Amino acid sequence: MTYCGHCGEGVDARDHSRCAELLQMEPPRFCAECRRRMVVQVVPRGWSARCVEHGEVRG
């Protein structure tokens, strides 16, 4: 199953169009693969989000 990076719910659970809009402006808070809360760091030039199981995503 794939999860929403903003709210952590399953992508099939409900409409995530608002979550998609928010993810364009801010980093994901949940891992899309396992739903774990990610460690997020925001810096002036971007952000990074790290999942313990699946590694790091940058933006």
C-alpha atoms as a PDB file:
ATOM      1  CA  MET A   1       0.000   0.000   0.000  1.00  0.00           C
ATOM      2  CA  THR A   2       1.120   3.547  -0.666  1.00  0.00           C
ATOM      3  CA  TYR A   3       0.554   6.322   1.852  1.00  0.00           C
ATOM      4  CA  CYS A   4       0.081  10.077   1.603  1.00  0.00           C
ATOM      5  CA  GLY A   5       3.247  12.016   2.479  1.00  0.00           C
ATOM      6  CA  HIS A   6       1.250  14.801   4.108  1.00  0.00           C
ATOM      7  CA  CYS A   7      -1.415  13.104   6.277  1.00  0.00           C
ATOM      8  CA  GLY A   8      -0.121   9.511   6.403  1.00  0.00           C
ATOM      9  CA  GLU A   9      -3.414   7.888   5.355  1.00  0.00           C
ATOM     10  CA  GLY A  10      -3.612   5.357   2.543  1.00  0.00           C
ATOM     11  CA  VAL A  11      -3.895   6.975  -0.881  1.00  0.00           C
ATOM     12  CA  ASP A  12      -7.063   4.955  -1.529  1.00  0.00           C
ATOM     13  CA  ALA A  13      -8.682   6.050   1.763  1.00  0.00           C
ATOM     14  CA  ARG A  14      -9.957   9.448   0.592  1.00  0.00           C
ATOM     15  CA  ASP A  15      -9.362  12.364  -1.778  1.00  0.00           C
ATOM     16  CA  HIS A  16      -5.840  13.720  -1.242  1.00  0.00           C
ATOM     17  CA  SER A  17      -5.995  16.693  -3.628  1.00  0.00           C
ATOM     18  CA  ARG A  18      -5.551  19.178  -0.755  1.00  0.00           C
ATOM     19  CA  CYS A  19      -2.601  17.148   0.573  1.00  0.00           C
ATOM     20  CA  ALA A  20      -1.024  17.254  -2.900  1.00  0.00           C
ATOM     21  CA  GLU A  21      -1.350  21.056  -2.934  1.00  0.00           C
ATOM     22  CA  LEU A  22       0.308  21.321   0.474  1.00  0.00           C
ATOM     23  CA  LEU A  23       3.142  18.980  -0.536  1.00  0.00           C
ATOM     24  CA  GLN A  24       4.075  21.412  -3.314  1.00  0.00           C
ATOM     25  CA  MET A  25       4.899  24.010  -0.641  1.00  0.00           C
ATOM     26  CA  GLU A  26       6.267  21.882   2.211  1.00  0.00           C
ATOM     27  CA  PRO A  27       8.170  18.614   2.729  1.00  0.00           C
ATOM     28  CA  PRO A  28       6.444  15.278   3.297  1.00  0.00           C
ATOM     29  CA  ARG A  29       5.936  14.303   6.941  1.00  0.00           C
ATOM     30  CA  PHE A  30       5.194  10.600   6.415  1.00  0.00           C
ATOM     31  CA  CYS A  31       7.026   7.942   4.408  1.00  0.00           C
ATOM     32  CA  ALA A  32       4.980   6.979   1.333  1.00  0.00           C
ATOM     33  CA  GLU A  33       6.105   3.347   1.613  1.00  0.00           C
ATOM     34  CA  CYS A  34       5.684   2.509   5.301  1.00  0.00           C
ATOM     35  CA  ARG A  35       3.731   5.445   6.866  1.00  0.00           C
ATOM     36  CA  ARG A  36       6.398   6.166   9.464  1.00  0.00           C
ATOM     37  CA  ARG A  37       6.910   9.741  10.621  1.00  0.00           C
ATOM     38  CA  MET A  38      10.014  11.115   8.934  1.00  0.00           C
ATOM     39  CA  VAL A  39      12.723  13.342  10.364  1.00  0.00           C
ATOM     40  CA  VAL A  40      12.380  16.598   8.414  1.00  0.00           C
ATOM     41  CA  GLN A  41      14.950  19.373   8.168  1.00  0.00           C
ATOM     42  CA  VAL A  42      14.167  22.631   6.380  1.00  0.00           C
ATOM     43  CA  VAL A  43      17.067  24.847   5.303  1.00  0.00           C
ATOM     44  CA  PRO A  44      17.099  28.052   3.217  1.00  0.00           C
ATOM     45  CA  ARG A  45      17.952  26.165   0.006  1.00  0.00           C
ATOM     46  CA  GLY A  46      15.465  23.298   0.398  1.00  0.00           C
ATOM     47  CA  TRP A  47      14.570  20.438   2.694  1.00  0.00           C
ATOM     48  CA  SER A  48      15.352  16.805   3.478  1.00  0.00           C
ATOM     49  CA  ALA A  49      13.115  14.121   4.950  1.00  0.00           C
ATOM     50  CA  ARG A  50      14.545  10.849   6.259  1.00  0.00           C
ATOM     51  CA  CYS A  51      12.758   7.555   6.934  1.00  0.00           C
ATOM     52  CA  VAL A  52      14.521   5.049   9.171  1.00  0.00           C
ATOM     53  CA  GLU A  53      13.603   2.198   6.792  1.00  0.00           C
ATOM     54  CA  HIS A  54      13.648   3.780   3.324  1.00  0.00           C
ATOM     55  CA  GLY A  55      16.282   6.516   3.416  1.00  0.00           C
ATOM     56  CA  GLU A  56      16.270  10.171   2.490  1.00  0.00           C
ATOM     57  CA  VAL A  57      14.261  12.348   0.106  1.00  0.00           C
ATOM     58  CA  ARG A  58      15.364  15.889  -0.794  1.00  0.00           C
ATOM     59  CA  GLY A  59      13.614  18.821  -2.324  1.00  0.00           C
END
